[in-house]
Amino acid sequence: MTATVVLLTLLLAPAASGSGAPAACKTFTRSDETAPALVRDWFAHSPDERVVMCPQPGRQGSELATALYFGEGGLTRHGTVCTYPRHGLTVAGSGNAALLTRYDRSEALAMALADGECPEPHAASQVQGYVETYDISTSTFAGIMRLWSTIAGAPAAPASGSAVTSGSAVQTRARLQAALGAHTGAPTVTRIVRIPGSVLRHRYALFVKTPDAPAGVSSQYVIYVDKRLRGPYEITAFAETN
């Protein structure tokens, strides 16, 4: 799957992050006796530790046939970053012959910062939780999330010497903070995607969701971040998204 296709389709799939799986989604583990036969059969033929099943509103047919499925692997720790692999599954065949299969070989990595034990995937108690990432390293994730914490947690533009220092970047940050300030709940990052660029300049897109959005106010944003060689992470633009 190319980066362009990923950018066009990311918002169509439920994220692995935020305050756990979306409310309508169900997470099944290997020991879960309530898992559908499709899921139990997948566990018997794959190393995945969890399967997330999310219904698609408006789709006709049985719940199992029309649901979106995601397989998830085991947790791994890299310093202060916890990760697990995540990939899409689809239903092949019908009736008693139906089975789950991977529809492509691409792999996302769900990542979360943790000082102690790795947080449980999809735990409702996690405010930020895991972030679905594409083509980024754990060190890049940590750097971007440190930048994000200064945006989400600070009411004003940063002081000189911080990660965002150029005049245009400060203005962009101020506009973003003003937009996020329209909400009562804490905004969360749901996905981070690397955008094709050059060796000297890396570019990323952060997808952010804000809860409790008032009527007429966007609840989702995409934030663009650049990092030049040996330079800091900088916000370059942001926009509302569906």
C-alpha atoms as a PDB file:
ATOM      1  CA  MET A   1       0.000   0.000   0.000  1.00  0.00           C
ATOM      2  CA  THR A   2       1.513   3.321  -1.046  1.00  0.00           C
ATOM      3  CA  ALA A   3       1.736   6.321   1.287  1.00  0.00           C
ATOM      4  CA  THR A   4      -0.724   8.216  -0.931  1.00  0.00           C
ATOM      5  CA  VAL A   5      -3.327   5.464  -0.677  1.00  0.00           C
ATOM      6  CA  VAL A   6      -2.772   5.262   3.078  1.00  0.00           C
ATOM      7  CA  LEU A   7      -3.431   8.995   3.444  1.00  0.00           C
ATOM      8  CA  LEU A   8      -6.665   8.714   1.458  1.00  0.00           C
ATOM      9  CA  THR A   9      -8.002   5.709   3.374  1.00  0.00           C
ATOM     10  CA  LEU A  10      -6.799   6.233   6.968  1.00  0.00           C
ATOM     11  CA  LEU A  11      -9.930   8.014   8.138  1.00  0.00           C
ATOM     12  CA  LEU A  12     -12.157   5.218   6.842  1.00  0.00           C
ATOM     13  CA  ALA A  13     -10.826   2.678   9.341  1.00  0.00           C
ATOM     14  CA  PRO A  14     -11.350   2.812  13.115  1.00  0.00           C
ATOM     15  CA  ALA A  15      -8.193   3.778  14.975  1.00  0.00           C
ATOM     16  CA  ALA A  16      -6.358   1.629  17.502  1.00  0.00           C
ATOM     17  CA  SER A  17      -5.933   4.527  19.822  1.00  0.00           C
ATOM     18  CA  GLY A  18      -7.496   7.295  21.784  1.00  0.00           C
ATOM     19  CA  SER A  19      -9.589   6.084  24.727  1.00  0.00           C
ATOM     20  CA  GLY A  20      -9.333   2.486  23.560  1.00  0.00           C
ATOM     21  CA  ALA A  21     -11.289   0.996  20.656  1.00  0.00           C
ATOM     22  CA  PRO A  22     -14.345   2.910  19.424  1.00  0.00           C
ATOM     23  CA  ALA A  23     -17.424   2.276  21.573  1.00  0.00           C
ATOM     24  CA  ALA A  24     -19.142   0.068  18.969  1.00  0.00           C
ATOM     25  CA  CYS A  25     -16.067  -2.122  18.457  1.00  0.00           C
ATOM     26  CA  LYS A  26     -15.496  -5.417  20.262  1.00  0.00           C
ATOM     27  CA  THR A  27     -12.058  -6.738  21.203  1.00  0.00           C
ATOM     28  CA  PHE A  28     -11.564 -10.514  21.422  1.00  0.00           C
ATOM     29  CA  THR A  29      -8.546 -12.284  22.922  1.00  0.00           C
ATOM     30  CA  ARG A  30      -7.463 -15.888  22.509  1.00  0.00           C
ATOM     31  CA  SER A  31      -9.033 -16.832  25.843  1.00  0.00           C
ATOM     32  CA  ASP A  32     -12.356 -15.143  25.061  1.00  0.00           C
ATOM     33  CA  GLU A  33     -15.030 -17.852  24.861  1.00  0.00           C
ATOM     34  CA  THR A  34     -17.534 -15.379  23.377  1.00  0.00           C
ATOM     35  CA  ALA A  35     -15.448 -14.827  20.229  1.00  0.00           C
ATOM     36  CA  PRO A  36     -17.286 -15.641  16.961  1.00  0.00           C
ATOM     37  CA  ALA A  37     -16.266 -18.785  15.087  1.00  0.00           C
ATOM     38  CA  LEU A  38     -14.590 -16.606  12.418  1.00  0.00           C
ATOM     39  CA  VAL A  39     -12.325 -15.083  15.073  1.00  0.00           C
ATOM     40  CA  ARG A  40     -11.578 -18.367  16.835  1.00  0.00           C
ATOM     41  CA  ASP A  41     -10.569 -19.894  13.506  1.00  0.00           C
ATOM     42  CA  TRP A  42      -8.253 -16.934  12.827  1.00  0.00           C
ATOM     43  CA  PHE A  43      -6.568 -17.399  16.212  1.00  0.00           C
ATOM     44  CA  ALA A  44      -5.974 -21.055  15.355  1.00  0.00           C
ATOM     45  CA  HIS A  45      -4.014 -20.100  12.232  1.00  0.00           C
ATOM     46  CA  SER A  46      -2.232 -16.863  13.203  1.00  0.00           C
ATOM     47  CA  PRO A  47       0.054 -15.510  15.962  1.00  0.00           C
ATOM     48  CA  ASP A  48      -2.271 -12.558  16.693  1.00  0.00           C
ATOM     49  CA  GLU A  49      -3.255 -11.981  20.326  1.00  0.00           C
ATOM     50  CA  ARG A  50      -6.365  -9.876  19.705  1.00  0.00           C
ATOM     51  CA  VAL A  51      -8.984  -9.342  17.002  1.00  0.00           C
ATOM     52  CA  VAL A  52     -10.984  -6.100  16.946  1.00  0.00           C
ATOM     53  CA  MET A  53     -14.402  -6.270  15.246  1.00  0.00           C
ATOM     54  CA  CYS A  54     -16.107  -2.979  14.279  1.00  0.00           C
ATOM     55  CA  PRO A  55     -19.552  -2.848  12.633  1.00  0.00           C
ATOM     56  CA  GLN A  56     -20.044  -0.619   9.599  1.00  0.00           C
ATOM     57  CA  PRO A  57     -23.127   1.585   9.974  1.00  0.00           C
ATOM     58  CA  GLY A  58     -25.532   1.367   7.066  1.00  0.00           C
ATOM     59  CA  ARG A  59     -24.140  -1.861   5.623  1.00  0.00           C
ATOM     60  CA  GLN A  60     -26.716  -4.509   4.746  1.00  0.00           C
ATOM     61  CA  GLY A  61     -26.206  -8.115   5.752  1.00  0.00           C
ATOM     62  CA  SER A  62     -25.197 -10.004   8.881  1.00  0.00           C
ATOM     63  CA  GLU A  63     -23.068  -8.269  11.506  1.00  0.00           C
ATOM     64  CA  LEU A  64     -20.216 -10.753  11.116  1.00  0.00           C
ATOM     65  CA  ALA A  65     -20.120 -10.479   7.310  1.00  0.00           C
ATOM     66  CA  THR A  66     -20.192  -6.682   7.125  1.00  0.00           C
ATOM     67  CA  ALA A  67     -17.919  -5.855  10.075  1.00  0.00           C
ATOM     68  CA  LEU A  68     -14.393  -4.456   9.806  1.00  0.00           C
ATOM     69  CA  TYR A  69     -11.766  -6.707  11.404  1.00  0.00           C
ATOM     70  CA  PHE A  70      -8.255  -5.941  12.659  1.00  0.00           C
ATOM     71  CA  GLY A  71      -5.654  -8.408  13.919  1.00  0.00           C
ATOM     72  CA  GLU A  72      -3.228  -7.293  16.625  1.00  0.00           C
ATOM     73  CA  GLY A  73       0.052  -8.813  17.795  1.00  0.00           C
ATOM     74  CA  GLY A  74       1.868  -8.883  21.129  1.00  0.00           C
ATOM     75  CA  LEU A  75       3.306  -5.932  23.018  1.00  0.00           C
ATOM     76  CA  THR A  76       6.977  -4.970  22.703  1.00  0.00           C
ATOM     77  CA  ARG A  77       8.823  -2.273  24.636  1.00  0.00           C
ATOM     78  CA  HIS A  78      11.497   0.006  23.126  1.00  0.00           C
ATOM     79  CA  GLY A  79      12.727   2.320  25.874  1.00  0.00           C
ATOM     80  CA  THR A  80       9.755   4.483  26.829  1.00  0.00           C
ATOM     81  CA  VAL A  81       7.666   3.399  23.818  1.00  0.00           C
ATOM     82  CA  CYS A  82       5.359   0.369  23.815  1.00  0.00           C
ATOM     83  CA  THR A  83       4.283  -1.055  20.454  1.00  0.00           C
ATOM     84  CA  TYR A  84       2.205  -3.793  18.889  1.00  0.00           C
ATOM     85  CA  PRO A  85       1.557  -4.613  15.191  1.00  0.00           C
ATOM     86  CA  ARG A  86      -1.915  -4.076  13.691  1.00  0.00           C
ATOM     87  CA  HIS A  87      -3.282  -5.142  10.308  1.00  0.00           C
ATOM     88  CA  GLY A  88      -6.593  -5.269   8.483  1.00  0.00           C
ATOM     89  CA  LEU A  89      -8.543  -8.484   7.977  1.00  0.00           C
ATOM     90  CA  THR A  90     -11.401  -9.266   5.634  1.00  0.00           C
ATOM     91  CA  VAL A  91     -13.992 -12.020   5.332  1.00  0.00           C
ATOM     92  CA  ALA A  92     -13.394 -14.394   2.412  1.00  0.00           C
ATOM     93  CA  GLY A  93     -16.094 -16.800   1.289  1.00  0.00           C
ATOM     94  CA  SER A  94     -19.592 -17.088   2.716  1.00  0.00           C
ATOM     95  CA  GLY A  95     -21.678 -19.279   4.941  1.00  0.00           C
ATOM     96  CA  ASN A  96     -19.843 -22.148   6.603  1.00  0.00           C
ATOM     97  CA  ALA A  97     -16.886 -21.601   4.251  1.00  0.00           C
ATOM     98  CA  ALA A  98     -16.299 -17.998   5.429  1.00  0.00           C
ATOM     99  CA  LEU A  99     -12.938 -17.227   7.004  1.00  0.00           C
ATOM    100  CA  LEU A 100     -10.800 -14.238   7.950  1.00  0.00           C
ATOM    101  CA  THR A 101      -7.745 -13.398   5.857  1.00  0.00           C
ATOM    102  CA  ARG A 102      -5.327 -10.497   5.554  1.00  0.00           C
ATOM    103  CA  TYR A 103      -6.236  -8.287   2.601  1.00  0.00           C
ATOM    104  CA  ASP A 104      -2.722  -6.841   2.188  1.00  0.00           C
ATOM    105  CA  ARG A 105       0.730  -7.256   3.677  1.00  0.00           C
ATOM    106  CA  SER A 106       1.056  -3.726   5.088  1.00  0.00           C
ATOM    107  CA  GLU A 107       1.472  -3.390   8.833  1.00  0.00           C
ATOM    108  CA  ALA A 108       0.711  -0.526  11.182  1.00  0.00           C
ATOM    109  CA  LEU A 109       2.392  -0.166  14.558  1.00  0.00           C
ATOM    110  CA  ALA A 110       0.331   1.036  17.489  1.00  0.00           C
ATOM    111  CA  MET A 111       2.565   3.038  19.851  1.00  0.00           C
ATOM    112  CA  ALA A 112       2.203   4.555  23.308  1.00  0.00           C
ATOM    113  CA  LEU A 113       4.553   6.335  25.710  1.00  0.00           C
ATOM    114  CA  ALA A 114       4.951   4.621  29.077  1.00  0.00           C
ATOM    115  CA  ASP A 115       7.295   5.213  32.020  1.00  0.00           C
ATOM    116  CA  GLY A 116       6.226   2.005  33.757  1.00  0.00           C
ATOM    117  CA  GLU A 117       4.279  -0.995  32.538  1.00  0.00           C
ATOM    118  CA  CYS A 118       2.925  -0.916  28.990  1.00  0.00           C
ATOM    119  CA  PRO A 119      -0.733   0.174  29.003  1.00  0.00           C
ATOM    120  CA  GLU A 120      -3.320  -2.439  28.087  1.00  0.00           C
ATOM    121  CA  PRO A 121      -4.491  -2.040  24.462  1.00  0.00           C
ATOM    122  CA  HIS A 122      -8.005  -0.541  24.218  1.00  0.00           C
ATOM    123  CA  ALA A 123      -8.228   0.151  27.954  1.00  0.00           C
ATOM    124  CA  ALA A 124     -10.989   2.699  28.526  1.00  0.00           C
ATOM    125  CA  SER A 125      -8.978   4.264  31.368  1.00  0.00           C
ATOM    126  CA  GLN A 126      -6.256   5.471  28.989  1.00  0.00           C
ATOM    127  CA  VAL A 127      -6.798   9.105  27.977  1.00  0.00           C
ATOM    128  CA  GLN A 128      -4.316   9.064  25.090  1.00  0.00           C
ATOM    129  CA  GLY A 129      -3.812   5.328  24.710  1.00  0.00           C
ATOM    130  CA  TYR A 130      -2.123   3.841  21.646  1.00  0.00           C
ATOM    131  CA  VAL A 131      -1.576   5.757  18.415  1.00  0.00           C
ATOM    132  CA  GLU A 132      -1.710   3.967  15.066  1.00  0.00           C
ATOM    133  CA  THR A 133       1.509   4.768  13.172  1.00  0.00           C
ATOM    134  CA  TYR A 134       2.728   4.175   9.633  1.00  0.00           C
ATOM    135  CA  ASP A 135       6.392   4.161   8.615  1.00  0.00           C
ATOM    136  CA  ILE A 136       7.811   5.946  11.664  1.00  0.00           C
ATOM    137  CA  SER A 137      10.383   4.872  14.268  1.00  0.00           C
ATOM    138  CA  THR A 138       9.851   4.765  18.015  1.00  0.00           C
ATOM    139  CA  SER A 139      12.265   7.701  18.461  1.00  0.00           C
ATOM    140  CA  THR A 140      10.277   9.743  15.922  1.00  0.00           C
ATOM    141  CA  PHE A 141       7.069   8.870  17.751  1.00  0.00           C
ATOM    142  CA  ALA A 142       8.519  10.012  21.071  1.00  0.00           C
ATOM    143  CA  GLY A 143       9.723  13.296  19.546  1.00  0.00           C
ATOM    144  CA  ILE A 144       6.384  14.061  17.891  1.00  0.00           C
ATOM    145  CA  MET A 145       4.415  13.199  21.023  1.00  0.00           C
ATOM    146  CA  ARG A 146       6.627  15.509  23.092  1.00  0.00           C
ATOM    147  CA  LEU A 147       5.808  18.272  20.621  1.00  0.00           C
ATOM    148  CA  TRP A 148       2.126  17.369  20.815  1.00  0.00           C
ATOM    149  CA  SER A 149       2.141  17.570  24.618  1.00  0.00           C
ATOM    150  CA  THR A 150       3.279  21.204  24.414  1.00  0.00           C
ATOM    151  CA  ILE A 151       0.391  21.969  22.052  1.00  0.00           C
ATOM    152  CA  ALA A 152      -2.350  20.137  23.913  1.00  0.00           C
ATOM    153  CA  GLY A 153      -1.200  21.205  27.362  1.00  0.00           C
ATOM    154  CA  ALA A 154      -0.128  24.837  26.918  1.00  0.00           C
ATOM    155  CA  PRO A 155      -2.637  27.683  26.476  1.00  0.00           C
ATOM    156  CA  ALA A 156      -0.220  30.119  24.842  1.00  0.00           C
ATOM    157  CA  ALA A 157       2.534  30.212  22.238  1.00  0.00           C
ATOM    158  CA  PRO A 158       5.852  28.652  23.363  1.00  0.00           C
ATOM    159  CA  ALA A 159       8.776  30.558  24.747  1.00  0.00           C
ATOM    160  CA  SER A 160      11.871  31.172  22.651  1.00  0.00           C
ATOM    161  CA  GLY A 161      14.058  28.096  22.312  1.00  0.00           C
ATOM    162  CA  SER A 162      11.242  25.564  22.358  1.00  0.00           C
ATOM    163  CA  ALA A 163      10.519  23.033  19.620  1.00  0.00           C
ATOM    164  CA  VAL A 164       8.463  25.557  17.621  1.00  0.00           C
ATOM    165  CA  THR A 165      10.364  28.792  17.131  1.00  0.00           C
ATOM    166  CA  SER A 166       9.822  30.319  13.688  1.00  0.00           C
ATOM    167  CA  GLY A 167       7.284  33.138  13.387  1.00  0.00           C
ATOM    168  CA  SER A 168       4.994  31.295  10.975  1.00  0.00           C
ATOM    169  CA  ALA A 169       5.133  28.121  13.091  1.00  0.00           C
ATOM    170  CA  VAL A 170       4.237  30.071  16.233  1.00  0.00           C
ATOM    171  CA  GLN A 171       1.249  31.607  14.458  1.00  0.00           C
ATOM    172  CA  THR A 172       0.148  28.188  13.204  1.00  0.00           C
ATOM    173  CA  ARG A 173       0.450  26.772  16.684  1.00  0.00           C
ATOM    174  CA  ALA A 174      -1.548  29.663  18.175  1.00  0.00           C
ATOM    175  CA  ARG A 175      -4.348  29.131  15.620  1.00  0.00           C
ATOM    176  CA  LEU A 176      -4.378  25.407  16.350  1.00  0.00           C
ATOM    177  CA  GLN A 177      -4.530  25.969  20.104  1.00  0.00           C
ATOM    178  CA  ALA A 178      -7.405  28.382  19.599  1.00  0.00           C
ATOM    179  CA  ALA A 179      -9.268  25.748  17.571  1.00  0.00           C
ATOM    180  CA  LEU A 180      -8.613  23.007  20.117  1.00  0.00           C
ATOM    181  CA  GLY A 181      -9.628  25.349  22.913  1.00  0.00           C
ATOM    182  CA  ALA A 182     -13.220  25.247  21.657  1.00  0.00           C
ATOM    183  CA  HIS A 183     -13.619  21.799  23.217  1.00  0.00           C
ATOM    184  CA  THR A 184     -14.100  20.753  26.830  1.00  0.00           C
ATOM    185  CA  GLY A 185     -12.345  17.396  26.551  1.00  0.00           C
ATOM    186  CA  ALA A 186      -8.671  16.678  25.900  1.00  0.00           C
ATOM    187  CA  PRO A 187      -7.838  16.117  22.214  1.00  0.00           C
ATOM    188  CA  THR A 188      -6.073  12.858  21.375  1.00  0.00           C
ATOM    189  CA  VAL A 189      -3.796  11.769  18.544  1.00  0.00           C
ATOM    190  CA  THR A 190      -5.257   8.801  16.670  1.00  0.00           C
ATOM    191  CA  ARG A 191      -2.732   8.301  13.836  1.00  0.00           C
ATOM    192  CA  ILE A 192       0.703   9.455  12.712  1.00  0.00           C
ATOM    193  CA  VAL A 193       1.751   8.892   9.104  1.00  0.00           C
ATOM    194  CA  ARG A 194       5.059   9.658   7.435  1.00  0.00           C
ATOM    195  CA  ILE A 195       4.583  11.602   4.199  1.00  0.00           C
ATOM    196  CA  PRO A 196       7.055  10.947   1.365  1.00  0.00           C
ATOM    197  CA  GLY A 197       9.792  13.599   1.438  1.00  0.00           C
ATOM    198  CA  SER A 198      13.575  13.700   1.288  1.00  0.00           C
ATOM    199  CA  VAL A 199      16.507  12.543   3.393  1.00  0.00           C
ATOM    200  CA  LEU A 200      17.102  16.107   4.570  1.00  0.00           C
ATOM    201  CA  ARG A 201      13.463  16.852   5.406  1.00  0.00           C
ATOM    202  CA  HIS A 202      11.024  14.388   6.944  1.00  0.00           C
ATOM    203  CA  ARG A 203       7.301  15.175   6.919  1.00  0.00           C
ATOM    204  CA  TYR A 204       4.492  13.716   9.005  1.00  0.00           C
ATOM    205  CA  ALA A 205       0.712  13.998   9.360  1.00  0.00           C
ATOM    206  CA  LEU A 206      -0.970  13.727  12.771  1.00  0.00           C
ATOM    207  CA  PHE A 207      -4.679  12.952  12.892  1.00  0.00           C
ATOM    208  CA  VAL A 208      -6.241  14.444  16.015  1.00  0.00           C
ATOM    209  CA  LYS A 209      -9.740  13.876  17.410  1.00  0.00           C
ATOM    210  CA  THR A 210     -11.370  16.202  19.925  1.00  0.00           C
ATOM    211  CA  PRO A 211     -14.301  15.051  22.080  1.00  0.00           C
ATOM    212  CA  ASP A 212     -17.372  17.093  22.979  1.00  0.00           C
ATOM    213  CA  ALA A 213     -17.193  19.288  19.880  1.00  0.00           C
ATOM    214  CA  PRO A 214     -19.935  21.958  19.876  1.00  0.00           C
ATOM    215  CA  ALA A 215     -22.377  22.030  16.976  1.00  0.00           C
ATOM    216  CA  GLY A 216     -20.757  23.491  13.876  1.00  0.00           C
ATOM    217  CA  VAL A 217     -17.213  23.008  15.196  1.00  0.00           C
ATOM    218  CA  SER A 218     -14.887  20.403  13.698  1.00  0.00           C
ATOM    219  CA  SER A 219     -13.914  17.492  15.948  1.00  0.00           C
ATOM    220  CA  GLN A 220     -11.065  16.181  13.784  1.00  0.00           C
ATOM    221  CA  TYR A 221      -7.875  17.827  12.557  1.00  0.00           C
ATOM    222  CA  VAL A 222      -4.798  16.865  10.594  1.00  0.00           C
ATOM    223  CA  ILE A 223      -1.580  18.511  11.775  1.00  0.00           C
ATOM    224  CA  TYR A 224       1.490  18.617   9.531  1.00  0.00           C
ATOM    225  CA  VAL A 225       4.921  18.352  11.148  1.00  0.00           C
ATOM    226  CA  ASP A 226       8.344  18.763   9.537  1.00  0.00           C
ATOM    227  CA  LYS A 227      11.789  17.787  10.784  1.00  0.00           C
ATOM    228  CA  ARG A 228      14.907  18.880   8.980  1.00  0.00           C
ATOM    229  CA  LEU A 229      18.219  17.081   9.459  1.00  0.00           C
ATOM    230  CA  ARG A 230      19.449  17.743  13.034  1.00  0.00           C
ATOM    231  CA  GLY A 231      16.587  20.208  13.506  1.00  0.00           C
ATOM    232  CA  PRO A 232      13.560  20.110  15.868  1.00  0.00           C
ATOM    233  CA  TYR A 233      10.070  18.913  15.009  1.00  0.00           C
ATOM    234  CA  GLU A 234       8.004  21.863  13.791  1.00  0.00           C
ATOM    235  CA  ILE A 235       4.318  22.371  13.056  1.00  0.00           C
ATOM    236  CA  THR A 236       3.936  23.675   9.499  1.00  0.00           C
ATOM    237  CA  ALA A 237       0.156  23.610   8.975  1.00  0.00           C
ATOM    238  CA  PHE A 238      -3.127  22.143  10.179  1.00  0.00           C
ATOM    239  CA  ALA A 239      -6.591  21.714   8.758  1.00  0.00           C
ATOM    240  CA  GLU A 240     -10.025  20.408   9.670  1.00  0.00           C
ATOM    241  CA  THR A 241     -10.893  16.964   8.327  1.00  0.00           C
ATOM    242  CA  ASN A 242     -13.932  14.702   8.230  1.00  0.00           C
END
